[in-house]
Amino acid sequence: MHGRGTYKWPNGKKYVGDYKNDKKEGKGTYSWPDGREYDGEWKNGVQHGTGRFRSKAGTVKTGVWEKGKRARWVNIVNPDGTTRPIDSDNDQQSEEGDNISSSSIVRSGMRDQSRRIDV
């Protein structure tokens, strides 16, 4: 696929955005059936650049991704509209997350102190 398109997986996950040589490239939105969503930049099939992650609870986190991994959060907005300060030099918060690989395989798990704990 090349250009803009939509891909839906049988499990309800969906990507809408730009493709280049059958990989996510440019801007796009990846969503989960439970309401989580990543909207941002992609390169070579993985998250790369700035993007926003919305949790199931409605918290919106703006951050920077490098080669498919979150490098840091730059802003967090809670569902009630309040914001939380970010210490980008010590961004060690526990959170649920998913890594989206270039083959579109999603590994779910918990992050704790920047380590990955698969579930």
PDB file of N, CA and C in Angstrom:
ATOM      1  N   MET A   1       0.844  -1.170   0.000  1.00  0.00           N
ATOM      2  CA  MET A   1       0.000   0.000   0.000  1.00  0.00           C
ATOM      3  C   MET A   1       0.890   1.233   0.000  1.00  0.00           C
ATOM      4  N   HIS A   2       0.447   2.244  -0.719  1.00  0.00           N
ATOM      5  CA  HIS A   2       1.180   3.496  -0.786  1.00  0.00           C
ATOM      6  C   HIS A   2       0.162   4.631  -0.848  1.00  0.00           C
ATOM      7  N   GLY A   3       0.344   5.651  -0.005  1.00  0.00           N
ATOM      8  CA  GLY A   3      -0.615   6.742   0.059  1.00  0.00           C
ATOM      9  C   GLY A   3      -1.391   6.684   1.359  1.00  0.00           C
ATOM     10  N   ARG A   4      -2.602   7.177   1.331  1.00  0.00           N
ATOM     11  CA  ARG A   4      -3.435   7.197   2.544  1.00  0.00           C
ATOM     12  C   ARG A   4      -4.394   6.014   2.500  1.00  0.00           C
ATOM     13  N   GLY A   5      -4.605   5.390   3.675  1.00  0.00           N
ATOM     14  CA  GLY A   5      -5.497   4.246   3.692  1.00  0.00           C
ATOM     15  C   GLY A   5      -5.933   3.869   5.090  1.00  0.00           C
ATOM     16  N   THR A   6      -6.769   2.839   5.150  1.00  0.00           N
ATOM     17  CA  THR A   6      -7.292   2.314   6.405  1.00  0.00           C
ATOM     18  C   THR A   6      -7.078   0.812   6.420  1.00  0.00           C
ATOM     19  N   TYR A   7      -6.604   0.301   7.559  1.00  0.00           N
ATOM     20  CA  TYR A   7      -6.471  -1.137   7.727  1.00  0.00           C
ATOM     21  C   TYR A   7      -7.154  -1.515   9.036  1.00  0.00           C
ATOM     22  N   LYS A   8      -8.041  -2.514   8.967  1.00  0.00           N
ATOM     23  CA  LYS A   8      -8.749  -3.000  10.154  1.00  0.00           C
ATOM     24  C   LYS A   8      -8.367  -4.451  10.396  1.00  0.00           C
ATOM     25  N   TRP A   9      -8.049  -4.764  11.644  1.00  0.00           N
ATOM     26  CA  TRP A   9      -7.727  -6.127  12.030  1.00  0.00           C
ATOM     27  C   TRP A   9      -8.994  -6.816  12.505  1.00  0.00           C
ATOM     28  N   PRO A  10      -9.079  -8.142  12.412  1.00  0.00           N
ATOM     29  CA  PRO A  10     -10.269  -8.869  12.869  1.00  0.00           C
ATOM     30  C   PRO A  10     -10.584  -8.642  14.353  1.00  0.00           C
ATOM     31  N   ASN A  11      -9.571  -8.320  15.148  1.00  0.00           N
ATOM     32  CA  ASN A  11      -9.777  -8.112  16.585  1.00  0.00           C
ATOM     33  C   ASN A  11     -10.273  -6.703  16.922  1.00  0.00           C
ATOM     34  N   GLY A  12     -10.557  -5.878  15.905  1.00  0.00           N
ATOM     35  CA  GLY A  12     -11.119  -4.551  16.133  1.00  0.00           C
ATOM     36  C   GLY A  12     -10.124  -3.409  16.135  1.00  0.00           C
ATOM     37  N   LYS A  13      -8.846  -3.690  16.087  1.00  0.00           N
ATOM     38  CA  LYS A  13      -7.842  -2.632  16.019  1.00  0.00           C
ATOM     39  C   LYS A  13      -7.848  -2.027  14.619  1.00  0.00           C
ATOM     40  N   LYS A  14      -7.459  -0.747  14.531  1.00  0.00           N
ATOM     41  CA  LYS A  14      -7.549  -0.073  13.239  1.00  0.00           C
ATOM     42  C   LYS A  14      -6.455   0.982  13.107  1.00  0.00           C
ATOM     43  N   TYR A  15      -5.927   1.116  11.894  1.00  0.00           N
ATOM     44  CA  TYR A  15      -4.990   2.188  11.558  1.00  0.00           C
ATOM     45  C   TYR A  15      -5.561   2.965  10.380  1.00  0.00           C
ATOM     46  N   VAL A  16      -5.593   4.281  10.524  1.00  0.00           N
ATOM     47  CA  VAL A  16      -6.014   5.173   9.444  1.00  0.00           C
ATOM     48  C   VAL A  16      -4.892   6.184   9.265  1.00  0.00           C
ATOM     49  N   GLY A  17      -4.298   6.208   8.092  1.00  0.00           N
ATOM     50  CA  GLY A  17      -3.214   7.166   7.896  1.00  0.00           C
ATOM     51  C   GLY A  17      -2.409   6.901   6.653  1.00  0.00           C
ATOM     52  N   ASP A  18      -1.210   7.431   6.673  1.00  0.00           N
ATOM     53  CA  ASP A  18      -0.311   7.373   5.518  1.00  0.00           C
ATOM     54  C   ASP A  18       0.495   6.082   5.510  1.00  0.00           C
ATOM     55  N   TYR A  19       0.735   5.590   4.300  1.00  0.00           N
ATOM     56  CA  TYR A  19       1.555   4.407   4.071  1.00  0.00           C
ATOM     57  C   TYR A  19       2.612   4.718   3.025  1.00  0.00           C
ATOM     58  N   LYS A  20       3.731   4.027   3.140  1.00  0.00           N
ATOM     59  CA  LYS A  20       4.768   4.079   2.111  1.00  0.00           C
ATOM     60  C   LYS A  20       5.381   2.685   2.048  1.00  0.00           C
ATOM     61  N   ASN A  21       5.354   2.086   0.877  1.00  0.00           N
ATOM     62  CA  ASN A  21       5.893   0.736   0.686  1.00  0.00           C
ATOM     63  C   ASN A  21       5.326  -0.261   1.708  1.00  0.00           C
ATOM     64  N   ASP A  22       4.001  -0.229   1.883  1.00  0.00           N
ATOM     65  CA  ASP A  22       3.280  -1.142   2.770  1.00  0.00           C
ATOM     66  C   ASP A  22       3.585  -0.964   4.253  1.00  0.00           C
ATOM     67  N   LYS A  23       4.167   0.152   4.649  1.00  0.00           N
ATOM     68  CA  LYS A  23       4.436   0.425   6.063  1.00  0.00           C
ATOM     69  C   LYS A  23       3.826   1.760   6.444  1.00  0.00           C
ATOM     70  N   LYS A  24       3.449   1.884   7.719  1.00  0.00           N
ATOM     71  CA  LYS A  24       2.934   3.153   8.218  1.00  0.00           C
ATOM     72  C   LYS A  24       4.051   4.186   8.104  1.00  0.00           C
ATOM     73  N   GLU A  25       3.738   5.324   7.489  1.00  0.00           N
ATOM     74  CA  GLU A  25       4.763   6.351   7.248  1.00  0.00           C
ATOM     75  C   GLU A  25       4.075   7.697   7.124  1.00  0.00           C
ATOM     76  N   GLY A  26       4.477   8.668   7.947  1.00  0.00           N
ATOM     77  CA  GLY A  26       3.843   9.983   7.913  1.00  0.00           C
ATOM     78  C   GLY A  26       2.948  10.158   9.124  1.00  0.00           C
ATOM     79  N   LYS A  27       1.716  10.581   8.897  1.00  0.00           N
ATOM     80  CA  LYS A  27       0.769  10.808  10.000  1.00  0.00           C
ATOM     81  C   LYS A  27      -0.318   9.742   9.966  1.00  0.00           C
ATOM     82  N   GLY A  28      -0.728   9.307  11.167  1.00  0.00           N
ATOM     83  CA  GLY A  28      -1.775   8.307  11.224  1.00  0.00           C
ATOM     84  C   GLY A  28      -2.282   8.079  12.629  1.00  0.00           C
ATOM     85  N   THR A  29      -3.412   7.376  12.714  1.00  0.00           N
ATOM     86  CA  THR A  29      -4.062   7.079  13.983  1.00  0.00           C
ATOM     87  C   THR A  29      -4.259   5.575  14.105  1.00  0.00           C
ATOM     88  N   TYR A  30      -3.757   5.022  15.202  1.00  0.00           N
ATOM     89  CA  TYR A  30      -3.913   3.611  15.523  1.00  0.00           C
ATOM     90  C   TYR A  30      -4.846   3.531  16.720  1.00  0.00           C
ATOM     91  N   SER A  31      -5.942   2.772  16.592  1.00  0.00           N
ATOM     92  CA  SER A  31      -6.909   2.708  17.687  1.00  0.00           C
ATOM     93  C   SER A  31      -7.193   1.264  18.084  1.00  0.00           C
ATOM     94  N   TRP A  32      -7.506   1.103  19.360  1.00  0.00           N
ATOM     95  CA  TRP A  32      -7.859  -0.175  19.942  1.00  0.00           C
ATOM     96  C   TRP A  32      -9.358  -0.200  20.179  1.00  0.00           C
ATOM     97  N   PRO A  33      -9.996  -1.360  20.189  1.00  0.00           N
ATOM     98  CA  PRO A  33     -11.446  -1.426  20.406  1.00  0.00           C
ATOM     99  C   PRO A  33     -11.886  -0.939  21.789  1.00  0.00           C
ATOM    100  N   ASP A  34     -10.981  -0.904  22.758  1.00  0.00           N
ATOM    101  CA  ASP A  34     -11.343  -0.456  24.108  1.00  0.00           C
ATOM    102  C   ASP A  34     -11.263   1.064  24.277  1.00  0.00           C
ATOM    103  N   GLY A  35     -10.939   1.792  23.204  1.00  0.00           N
ATOM    104  CA  GLY A  35     -10.927   3.253  23.263  1.00  0.00           C
ATOM    105  C   GLY A  35      -9.556   3.892  23.295  1.00  0.00           C
ATOM    106  N   ARG A  36      -8.501   3.110  23.504  1.00  0.00           N
ATOM    107  CA  ARG A  36      -7.155   3.694  23.465  1.00  0.00           C
ATOM    108  C   ARG A  36      -6.824   4.116  22.040  1.00  0.00           C
ATOM    109  N   GLU A  37      -5.958   5.128  21.932  1.00  0.00           N
ATOM    110  CA  GLU A  37      -5.635   5.628  20.594  1.00  0.00           C
ATOM    111  C   GLU A  37      -4.280   6.330  20.603  1.00  0.00           C
ATOM    112  N   TYR A  38      -3.487   6.067  19.564  1.00  0.00           N
ATOM    113  CA  TYR A  38      -2.264   6.818  19.303  1.00  0.00           C
ATOM    114  C   TYR A  38      -2.491   7.579  18.008  1.00  0.00           C
ATOM    115  N   ASP A  39      -2.279   8.885  18.061  1.00  0.00           N
ATOM    116  CA  ASP A  39      -2.425   9.735  16.881  1.00  0.00           C
ATOM    117  C   ASP A  39      -1.127  10.525  16.736  1.00  0.00           C
ATOM    118  N   GLY A  40      -0.412  10.284  15.653  1.00  0.00           N
ATOM    119  CA  GLY A  40       0.852  10.986  15.523  1.00  0.00           C
ATOM    120  C   GLY A  40       1.656  10.558  14.318  1.00  0.00           C
ATOM    121  N   GLU A  41       2.959  10.727  14.457  1.00  0.00           N
ATOM    122  CA  GLU A  41       3.882  10.484  13.351  1.00  0.00           C
ATOM    123  C   GLU A  41       4.407   9.051  13.368  1.00  0.00           C
ATOM    124  N   TRP A  42       4.656   8.533  12.159  1.00  0.00           N
ATOM    125  CA  TRP A  42       5.139   7.171  11.950  1.00  0.00           C
ATOM    126  C   TRP A  42       6.308   7.208  10.982  1.00  0.00           C
ATOM    127  N   LYS A  43       7.232   6.283  11.162  1.00  0.00           N
ATOM    128  CA  LYS A  43       8.347   6.140  10.221  1.00  0.00           C
ATOM    129  C   LYS A  43       8.729   4.671  10.146  1.00  0.00           C
ATOM    130  N   ASN A  44       8.808   4.161   8.950  1.00  0.00           N
ATOM    131  CA  ASN A  44       9.201   2.782   8.714  1.00  0.00           C
ATOM    132  C   ASN A  44       8.339   1.786   9.499  1.00  0.00           C
ATOM    133  N   GLY A  45       7.046   2.106   9.637  1.00  0.00           N
ATOM    134  CA  GLY A  45       6.102   1.187  10.253  1.00  0.00           C
ATOM    135  C   GLY A  45       5.919   1.309  11.752  1.00  0.00           C
ATOM    136  N   VAL A  46       6.680   2.191  12.414  1.00  0.00           N
ATOM    137  CA  VAL A  46       6.564   2.344  13.865  1.00  0.00           C
ATOM    138  C   VAL A  46       6.398   3.809  14.246  1.00  0.00           C
ATOM    139  N   GLN A  47       5.945   4.041  15.477  1.00  0.00           N
ATOM    140  CA  GLN A  47       5.780   5.398  15.981  1.00  0.00           C
ATOM    141  C   GLN A  47       7.151   6.067  16.022  1.00  0.00           C
ATOM    142  N   HIS A  48       7.219   7.271  15.438  1.00  0.00           N
ATOM    143  CA  HIS A  48       8.486   7.997  15.410  1.00  0.00           C
ATOM    144  C   HIS A  48       8.186   9.473  15.212  1.00  0.00           C
ATOM    145  N   GLY A  49       8.527  10.282  16.205  1.00  0.00           N
ATOM    146  CA  GLY A  49       8.219  11.709  16.161  1.00  0.00           C
ATOM    147  C   GLY A  49       7.231  12.052  17.253  1.00  0.00           C
ATOM    148  N   THR A  50       6.463  13.100  17.050  1.00  0.00           N
ATOM    149  CA  THR A  50       5.501  13.514  18.080  1.00  0.00           C
ATOM    150  C   THR A  50       4.168  12.804  17.893  1.00  0.00           C
ATOM    151  N   GLY A  51       3.491  12.593  19.005  1.00  0.00           N
ATOM    152  CA  GLY A  51       2.185  11.951  18.953  1.00  0.00           C
ATOM    153  C   GLY A  51       1.442  12.114  20.259  1.00  0.00           C
ATOM    154  N   ARG A  52       0.165  11.726  20.210  1.00  0.00           N
ATOM    155  CA  ARG A  52      -0.692  11.768  21.390  1.00  0.00           C
ATOM    156  C   ARG A  52      -1.241  10.383  21.653  1.00  0.00           C
ATOM    157  N   PHE A  53      -1.220   9.976  22.916  1.00  0.00           N
ATOM    158  CA  PHE A  53      -1.799   8.704  23.319  1.00  0.00           C
ATOM    159  C   PHE A  53      -2.971   9.004  24.241  1.00  0.00           C
ATOM    160  N   ARG A  54      -4.132   8.448  23.912  1.00  0.00           N
ATOM    161  CA  ARG A  54      -5.319   8.593  24.765  1.00  0.00           C
ATOM    162  C   ARG A  54      -5.586   7.241  25.428  1.00  0.00           C
ATOM    163  N   SER A  55      -5.671   7.249  26.751  1.00  0.00           N
ATOM    164  CA  SER A  55      -5.901   6.014  27.496  1.00  0.00           C
ATOM    165  C   SER A  55      -7.390   5.665  27.510  1.00  0.00           C
ATOM    166  N   LYS A  56      -7.702   4.460  28.021  1.00  0.00           N
ATOM    167  CA  LYS A  56      -9.098   4.041  28.172  1.00  0.00           C
ATOM    168  C   LYS A  56      -9.858   5.008  29.069  1.00  0.00           C
ATOM    169  N   ALA A  57      -9.180   5.560  30.061  1.00  0.00           N
ATOM    170  CA  ALA A  57      -9.814   6.461  31.020  1.00  0.00           C
ATOM    171  C   ALA A  57      -9.984   7.881  30.475  1.00  0.00           C
ATOM    172  N   GLY A  58      -9.364   8.167  29.320  1.00  0.00           N
ATOM    173  CA  GLY A  58      -9.499   9.486  28.720  1.00  0.00           C
ATOM    174  C   GLY A  58      -8.336  10.426  28.963  1.00  0.00           C
ATOM    175  N   THR A  59      -7.301   9.980  29.652  1.00  0.00           N
ATOM    176  CA  THR A  59      -6.106  10.794  29.839  1.00  0.00           C
ATOM    177  C   THR A  59      -5.394  10.916  28.498  1.00  0.00           C
ATOM    178  N   VAL A  60      -4.989  12.125  28.131  1.00  0.00           N
ATOM    179  CA  VAL A  60      -4.287  12.364  26.870  1.00  0.00           C
ATOM    180  C   VAL A  60      -2.857  12.772  27.184  1.00  0.00           C
ATOM    181  N   LYS A  61      -1.921  11.989  26.668  1.00  0.00           N
ATOM    182  CA  LYS A  61      -0.503  12.253  26.890  1.00  0.00           C
ATOM    183  C   LYS A  61       0.150  12.581  25.551  1.00  0.00           C
ATOM    184  N   THR A  62       0.802  13.710  25.491  1.00  0.00           N
ATOM    185  CA  THR A  62       1.557  14.101  24.304  1.00  0.00           C
ATOM    186  C   THR A  62       3.010  13.750  24.563  1.00  0.00           C
ATOM    187  N   GLY A  63       3.646  13.140  23.564  1.00  0.00           N
ATOM    188  CA  GLY A  63       5.021  12.718  23.773  1.00  0.00           C
ATOM    189  C   GLY A  63       5.813  12.624  22.498  1.00  0.00           C
ATOM    190  N   VAL A  64       7.022  12.125  22.668  1.00  0.00           N
ATOM    191  CA  VAL A  64       7.952  11.932  21.556  1.00  0.00           C
ATOM    192  C   VAL A  64       8.322  10.456  21.529  1.00  0.00           C
ATOM    193  N   TRP A  65       8.232   9.844  20.344  1.00  0.00           N
ATOM    194  CA  TRP A  65       8.588   8.448  20.142  1.00  0.00           C
ATOM    195  C   TRP A  65       9.804   8.371  19.237  1.00  0.00           C
ATOM    196  N   GLU A  66      10.651   7.388  19.496  1.00  0.00           N
ATOM    197  CA  GLU A  66      11.824   7.147  18.663  1.00  0.00           C
ATOM    198  C   GLU A  66      11.879   5.667  18.325  1.00  0.00           C
ATOM    199  N   LYS A  67      11.783   5.360  17.052  1.00  0.00           N
ATOM    200  CA  LYS A  67      11.860   3.985  16.556  1.00  0.00           C
ATOM    201  C   LYS A  67      10.896   3.047  17.273  1.00  0.00           C
ATOM    202  N   GLY A  68       9.664   3.513  17.477  1.00  0.00           N
ATOM    203  CA  GLY A  68       8.629   2.676  18.059  1.00  0.00           C
ATOM    204  C   GLY A  68       8.547   2.672  19.567  1.00  0.00           C
ATOM    205  N   LYS A  69       9.429   3.393  20.233  1.00  0.00           N
ATOM    206  CA  LYS A  69       9.415   3.438  21.695  1.00  0.00           C
ATOM    207  C   LYS A  69       9.250   4.878  22.159  1.00  0.00           C
ATOM    208  N   ARG A  70       8.453   5.048  23.218  1.00  0.00           N
ATOM    209  CA  ARG A  70       8.270   6.393  23.744  1.00  0.00           C
ATOM    210  C   ARG A  70       9.563   6.857  24.376  1.00  0.00           C
ATOM    211  N   ALA A  71      10.029   8.034  23.948  1.00  0.00           N
ATOM    212  CA  ALA A  71      11.244   8.614  24.511  1.00  0.00           C
ATOM    213  C   ALA A  71      10.919   9.456  25.743  1.00  0.00           C
ATOM    214  N   ARG A  72       9.808  10.215  25.682  1.00  0.00           N
ATOM    215  CA  ARG A  72       9.417  11.043  26.821  1.00  0.00           C
ATOM    216  C   ARG A  72       8.021  11.600  26.617  1.00  0.00           C
ATOM    217  N   TRP A  73       7.357  11.899  27.727  1.00  0.00           N
ATOM    218  CA  TRP A  73       6.093  12.635  27.685  1.00  0.00           C
ATOM    219  C   TRP A  73       6.429  14.116  27.783  1.00  0.00           C
ATOM    220  N   VAL A  74       5.644  14.947  27.106  1.00  0.00           N
ATOM    221  CA  VAL A  74       5.852  16.392  27.218  1.00  0.00           C
ATOM    222  C   VAL A  74       4.649  17.086  27.831  1.00  0.00           C
ATOM    223  N   ASN A  75       3.496  16.420  27.858  1.00  0.00           N
ATOM    224  CA  ASN A  75       2.293  17.009  28.423  1.00  0.00           C
ATOM    225  C   ASN A  75       1.298  15.897  28.762  1.00  0.00           C
ATOM    226  N   ILE A  76       0.616  16.046  29.897  1.00  0.00           N
ATOM    227  CA  ILE A  76      -0.429  15.095  30.273  1.00  0.00           C
ATOM    228  C   ILE A  76      -1.665  15.891  30.657  1.00  0.00           C
ATOM    229  N   VAL A  77      -2.808  15.550  30.036  1.00  0.00           N
ATOM    230  CA  VAL A  77      -4.073  16.192  30.358  1.00  0.00           C
ATOM    231  C   VAL A  77      -5.019  15.113  30.870  1.00  0.00           C
ATOM    232  N   ASN A  78      -5.490  15.299  32.101  1.00  0.00           N
ATOM    233  CA  ASN A  78      -6.415  14.356  32.723  1.00  0.00           C
ATOM    234  C   ASN A  78      -7.810  14.493  32.119  1.00  0.00           C
ATOM    235  N   PRO A  79      -8.669  13.484  32.299  1.00  0.00           N
ATOM    236  CA  PRO A  79     -10.028  13.560  31.739  1.00  0.00           C
ATOM    237  C   PRO A  79     -10.824  14.782  32.199  1.00  0.00           C
ATOM    238  N   ASP A  80     -10.516  15.300  33.396  1.00  0.00           N
ATOM    239  CA  ASP A  80     -11.236  16.478  33.889  1.00  0.00           C
ATOM    240  C   ASP A  80     -10.654  17.797  33.362  1.00  0.00           C
ATOM    241  N   GLY A  81      -9.637  17.710  32.509  1.00  0.00           N
ATOM    242  CA  GLY A  81      -9.045  18.912  31.913  1.00  0.00           C
ATOM    243  C   GLY A  81      -7.841  19.456  32.654  1.00  0.00           C
ATOM    244  N   THR A  82      -7.559  18.943  33.850  1.00  0.00           N
ATOM    245  CA  THR A  82      -6.382  19.403  34.578  1.00  0.00           C
ATOM    246  C   THR A  82      -5.126  18.805  33.958  1.00  0.00           C
ATOM    247  N   THR A  83      -4.013  19.490  34.140  1.00  0.00           N
ATOM    248  CA  THR A  83      -2.752  18.995  33.595  1.00  0.00           C
ATOM    249  C   THR A  83      -1.825  18.596  34.730  1.00  0.00           C
ATOM    250  N   ARG A  84      -0.914  17.690  34.388  1.00  0.00           N
ATOM    251  CA  ARG A  84       0.109  17.267  35.337  1.00  0.00           C
ATOM    252  C   ARG A  84       1.462  17.723  34.816  1.00  0.00           C
ATOM    253  N   PRO A  85       2.304  18.245  35.684  1.00  0.00           N
ATOM    254  CA  PRO A  85       3.637  18.648  35.223  1.00  0.00           C
ATOM    255  C   PRO A  85       4.468  17.420  34.854  1.00  0.00           C
ATOM    256  N   ILE A  86       5.341  17.607  33.907  1.00  0.00           N
ATOM    257  CA  ILE A  86       6.218  16.530  33.442  1.00  0.00           C
ATOM    258  C   ILE A  86       7.651  16.921  33.732  1.00  0.00           C
ATOM    259  N   ASP A  87       8.370  16.031  34.351  1.00  0.00           N
ATOM    260  CA  ASP A  87       9.804  16.195  34.530  1.00  0.00           C
ATOM    261  C   ASP A  87      10.449  15.306  33.483  1.00  0.00           C
ATOM    262  N   SER A  88      10.748  15.869  32.326  1.00  0.00           N
ATOM    263  CA  SER A  88      11.210  15.058  31.197  1.00  0.00           C
ATOM    264  C   SER A  88      12.551  14.389  31.466  1.00  0.00           C
ATOM    265  N   ASP A  89      13.320  14.882  32.450  1.00  0.00           N
ATOM    266  CA  ASP A  89      14.585  14.231  32.778  1.00  0.00           C
ATOM    267  C   ASP A  89      14.387  13.026  33.682  1.00  0.00           C
ATOM    268  N   ASN A  90      13.197  12.927  34.311  1.00  0.00           N
ATOM    269  CA  ASN A  90      12.927  11.822  35.223  1.00  0.00           C
ATOM    270  C   ASN A  90      11.529  11.281  34.955  1.00  0.00           C
ATOM    271  N   ASP A  91      11.245  10.943  33.719  1.00  0.00           N
ATOM    272  CA  ASP A  91       9.929  10.464  33.291  1.00  0.00           C
ATOM    273  C   ASP A  91       9.837   8.972  33.576  1.00  0.00           C
ATOM    274  N   GLN A  92       9.587   8.593  34.804  1.00  0.00           N
ATOM    275  CA  GLN A  92       9.607   7.199  35.221  1.00  0.00           C
ATOM    276  C   GLN A  92       8.260   6.772  35.773  1.00  0.00           C
ATOM    277  N   GLN A  93       7.171   7.200  35.173  1.00  0.00           N
ATOM    278  CA  GLN A  93       5.851   6.856  35.681  1.00  0.00           C
ATOM    279  C   GLN A  93       5.456   5.455  35.229  1.00  0.00           C
ATOM    280  N   SER A  94       4.709   4.751  36.082  1.00  0.00           N
ATOM    281  CA  SER A  94       4.142   3.465  35.683  1.00  0.00           C
ATOM    282  C   SER A  94       2.902   3.729  34.850  1.00  0.00           C
ATOM    283  N   GLU A  95       2.716   2.969  33.792  1.00  0.00           N
ATOM    284  CA  GLU A  95       1.526   3.154  32.961  1.00  0.00           C
ATOM    285  C   GLU A  95       1.296   1.919  32.119  1.00  0.00           C
ATOM    286  N   GLU A  96       0.053   1.743  31.705  1.00  0.00           N
ATOM    287  CA  GLU A  96      -0.236   0.691  30.748  1.00  0.00           C
ATOM    288  C   GLU A  96       0.187   1.190  29.382  1.00  0.00           C
ATOM    289  N   GLY A  97       0.616   0.298  28.512  1.00  0.00           N
ATOM    290  CA  GLY A  97       1.010   0.735  27.190  1.00  0.00           C
ATOM    291  C   GLY A  97       1.094  -0.405  26.214  1.00  0.00           C
ATOM    292  N   ASP A  98       1.209  -0.068  24.973  1.00  0.00           N
ATOM    293  CA  ASP A  98       1.362  -1.039  23.907  1.00  0.00           C
ATOM    294  C   ASP A  98       2.442  -0.561  22.971  1.00  0.00           C
ATOM    295  N   ASN A  99       3.245  -1.481  22.498  1.00  0.00           N
ATOM    296  CA  ASN A  99       4.199  -1.178  21.452  1.00  0.00           C
ATOM    297  C   ASN A  99       3.606  -1.664  20.144  1.00  0.00           C
ATOM    298  N   ILE A 100       3.685  -0.844  19.128  1.00  0.00           N
ATOM    299  CA  ILE A 100       3.146  -1.203  17.823  1.00  0.00           C
ATOM    300  C   ILE A 100       4.331  -1.436  16.906  1.00  0.00           C
ATOM    301  N   SER A 101       4.527  -2.670  16.470  1.00  0.00           N
ATOM    302  CA  SER A 101       5.687  -2.989  15.650  1.00  0.00           C
ATOM    303  C   SER A 101       5.403  -2.719  14.186  1.00  0.00           C
ATOM    304  N   SER A 102       6.459  -2.746  13.389  1.00  0.00           N
ATOM    305  CA  SER A 102       6.305  -2.486  11.964  1.00  0.00           C
ATOM    306  C   SER A 102       5.467  -3.555  11.285  1.00  0.00           C
ATOM    307  N   SER A 103       5.395  -4.745  11.875  1.00  0.00           N
ATOM    308  CA  SER A 103       4.554  -5.798  11.312  1.00  0.00           C
ATOM    309  C   SER A 103       3.142  -5.731  11.878  1.00  0.00           C
ATOM    310  N   SER A 104       2.857  -4.692  12.653  1.00  0.00           N
ATOM    311  CA  SER A 104       1.548  -4.440  13.249  1.00  0.00           C
ATOM    312  C   SER A 104       1.175  -5.457  14.320  1.00  0.00           C
ATOM    313  N   ILE A 105       2.152  -6.142  14.874  1.00  0.00           N
ATOM    314  CA  ILE A 105       1.905  -7.016  16.007  1.00  0.00           C
ATOM    315  C   ILE A 105       1.952  -6.141  17.249  1.00  0.00           C
ATOM    316  N   VAL A 106       0.961  -6.260  18.092  1.00  0.00           N
ATOM    317  CA  VAL A 106       0.894  -5.422  19.284  1.00  0.00           C
ATOM    318  C   VAL A 106       1.186  -6.285  20.497  1.00  0.00           C
ATOM    319  N   ARG A 107       2.128  -5.842  21.304  1.00  0.00           N
ATOM    320  CA  ARG A 107       2.450  -6.529  22.549  1.00  0.00           C
ATOM    321  C   ARG A 107       1.954  -5.660  23.685  1.00  0.00           C
ATOM    322  N   SER A 108       1.018  -6.191  24.439  1.00  0.00           N
ATOM    323  CA  SER A 108       0.462  -5.440  25.564  1.00  0.00           C
ATOM    324  C   SER A 108       1.259  -5.734  26.821  1.00  0.00           C
ATOM    325  N   GLY A 109       1.267  -4.781  27.718  1.00  0.00           N
ATOM    326  CA  GLY A 109       1.953  -5.013  28.973  1.00  0.00           C
ATOM    327  C   GLY A 109       1.914  -3.809  29.869  1.00  0.00           C
ATOM    328  N   MET A 110       2.661  -3.886  30.923  1.00  0.00           N
ATOM    329  CA  MET A 110       2.799  -2.801  31.878  1.00  0.00           C
ATOM    330  C   MET A 110       4.220  -2.293  31.808  1.00  0.00           C
ATOM    331  N   ARG A 111       4.391  -0.996  31.900  1.00  0.00           N
ATOM    332  CA  ARG A 111       5.719  -0.426  32.019  1.00  0.00           C
ATOM    333  C   ARG A 111       5.886  -0.019  33.477  1.00  0.00           C
ATOM    334  N   ASP A 112       7.028  -0.297  34.032  1.00  0.00           N
ATOM    335  CA  ASP A 112       7.310   0.110  35.395  1.00  0.00           C
ATOM    336  C   ASP A 112       8.759   0.554  35.443  1.00  0.00           C
ATOM    337  N   GLN A 113       8.958   1.819  35.781  1.00  0.00           N
ATOM    338  CA  GLN A 113      10.305   2.370  35.858  1.00  0.00           C
ATOM    339  C   GLN A 113      11.090   2.085  34.571  1.00  0.00           C
ATOM    340  N   SER A 114      10.439   2.300  33.429  1.00  0.00           N
ATOM    341  CA  SER A 114      11.032   2.174  32.092  1.00  0.00           C
ATOM    342  C   SER A 114      11.407   0.737  31.727  1.00  0.00           C
ATOM    343  N   ARG A 115      10.927  -0.252  32.472  1.00  0.00           N
ATOM    344  CA  ARG A 115      11.109  -1.641  32.090  1.00  0.00           C
ATOM    345  C   ARG A 115       9.797  -2.170  31.573  1.00  0.00           C
ATOM    346  N   ARG A 116       9.829  -3.157  30.739  1.00  0.00           N
ATOM    347  CA  ARG A 116       8.605  -3.730  30.192  1.00  0.00           C
ATOM    348  C   ARG A 116       8.297  -5.027  30.920  1.00  0.00           C
ATOM    349  N   ILE A 117       7.066  -5.163  31.367  1.00  0.00           N
ATOM    350  CA  ILE A 117       6.594  -6.374  32.028  1.00  0.00           C
ATOM    351  C   ILE A 117       5.440  -6.914  31.193  1.00  0.00           C
ATOM    352  N   ASP A 118       5.660  -7.995  30.454  1.00  0.00           N
ATOM    353  CA  ASP A 118       4.604  -8.542  29.594  1.00  0.00           C
ATOM    354  C   ASP A 118       3.573  -9.265  30.421  1.00  0.00           C
ATOM    355  N   VAL A 119       2.307  -9.136  29.961  1.00  0.00           N
ATOM    356  CA  VAL A 119       1.207  -9.830  30.625  1.00  0.00           C
ATOM    357  C   VAL A 119       0.481 -10.707  29.631  1.00  0.00           C
TER     358      VAL A 119
END
